[in-house]
Amino acid sequence: MDCSICEGPIEKVQDWDLGNNAEPVNSGRCCNKCNESVVIPLRIINMKR
């Protein structure tokens, strides 16, 4: 499975290979790097609105 943000591969973590929820960036799945650098910061910004 590929990341819906950077289009790179989503790495398997233990038995989980579906990555992270990419909302609110898009409705797909994302890798850990994009989750930490794009998705979570955007969620924090949205919480402050």
C-alpha atoms as a PDB file:
ATOM      1  CA  MET A   1       0.000   0.000   0.000  1.00  0.00           C
ATOM      2  CA  ASP A   2       1.265   3.497  -0.837  1.00  0.00           C
ATOM      3  CA  CYS A   3       0.904   6.729   1.116  1.00  0.00           C
ATOM      4  CA  SER A   4      -1.889   8.951  -0.202  1.00  0.00           C
ATOM      5  CA  ILE A   5       0.194  12.068   0.559  1.00  0.00           C
ATOM      6  CA  CYS A   6       3.790  11.353  -0.567  1.00  0.00           C
ATOM      7  CA  GLU A   7       2.964   8.233  -2.638  1.00  0.00           C
ATOM      8  CA  GLY A   8       5.815   6.334  -0.941  1.00  0.00           C
ATOM      9  CA  PRO A   9       5.361   2.850   0.507  1.00  0.00           C
ATOM     10  CA  ILE A  10       3.614   2.417   3.855  1.00  0.00           C
ATOM     11  CA  GLU A  11       5.897   0.368   6.094  1.00  0.00           C
ATOM     12  CA  LYS A  12       4.498  -2.503   8.124  1.00  0.00           C
ATOM     13  CA  VAL A  13       4.614  -1.907  11.905  1.00  0.00           C
ATOM     14  CA  GLN A  14       4.374  -5.225  13.745  1.00  0.00           C
ATOM     15  CA  ASP A  15       1.221  -6.785  12.240  1.00  0.00           C
ATOM     16  CA  TRP A  16      -0.312  -3.499  10.980  1.00  0.00           C
ATOM     17  CA  ASP A  17       0.266  -2.619   7.326  1.00  0.00           C
ATOM     18  CA  LEU A  18      -2.518  -0.076   6.693  1.00  0.00           C
ATOM     19  CA  GLY A  19      -0.647   3.004   7.901  1.00  0.00           C
ATOM     20  CA  ASN A  20      -2.455   5.967   9.426  1.00  0.00           C
ATOM     21  CA  ASN A  21      -5.693   7.833   8.760  1.00  0.00           C
ATOM     22  CA  ALA A  22      -4.795  10.784   6.504  1.00  0.00           C
ATOM     23  CA  GLU A  23      -7.838  12.924   7.418  1.00  0.00           C
ATOM     24  CA  PRO A  24      -8.081  15.959   7.171  1.00  0.00           C
ATOM     25  CA  VAL A  25      -5.472  16.039   4.375  1.00  0.00           C
ATOM     26  CA  ASN A  26      -7.346  13.468   2.282  1.00  0.00           C
ATOM     27  CA  SER A  27      -9.504  10.384   2.772  1.00  0.00           C
ATOM     28  CA  GLY A  28      -6.740   7.825   2.212  1.00  0.00           C
ATOM     29  CA  ARG A  29      -4.023   6.223   4.325  1.00  0.00           C
ATOM     30  CA  CYS A  30      -0.605   7.731   5.028  1.00  0.00           C
ATOM     31  CA  CYS A  31       2.870   6.672   6.135  1.00  0.00           C
ATOM     32  CA  ASN A  32       4.258   7.455   9.584  1.00  0.00           C
ATOM     33  CA  LYS A  33       6.465  10.273   8.245  1.00  0.00           C
ATOM     34  CA  CYS A  34       3.525  12.105   6.637  1.00  0.00           C
ATOM     35  CA  ASN A  35       1.344  11.437   9.665  1.00  0.00           C
ATOM     36  CA  GLU A  36       3.913  13.120  11.936  1.00  0.00           C
ATOM     37  CA  SER A  37       4.909  15.972   9.613  1.00  0.00           C
ATOM     38  CA  VAL A  38       1.643  16.809   7.800  1.00  0.00           C
ATOM     39  CA  VAL A  39      -1.492  15.217   9.289  1.00  0.00           C
ATOM     40  CA  ILE A  40      -0.971  15.735  13.031  1.00  0.00           C
ATOM     41  CA  PRO A  41       0.157  19.391  12.698  1.00  0.00           C
ATOM     42  CA  LEU A  42      -2.905  20.131  10.530  1.00  0.00           C
ATOM     43  CA  ARG A  43      -5.190  18.488  13.087  1.00  0.00           C
ATOM     44  CA  ILE A  44      -3.664  20.660  15.825  1.00  0.00           C
ATOM     45  CA  ILE A  45      -4.156  23.803  13.721  1.00  0.00           C
ATOM     46  CA  ASN A  46      -7.784  22.809  13.090  1.00  0.00           C
ATOM     47  CA  MET A  47      -8.378  22.282  16.831  1.00  0.00           C
ATOM     48  CA  LYS A  48      -7.280  25.872  17.526  1.00  0.00           C
ATOM     49  CA  ARG A  49      -9.825  27.332  15.079  1.00  0.00           C
END
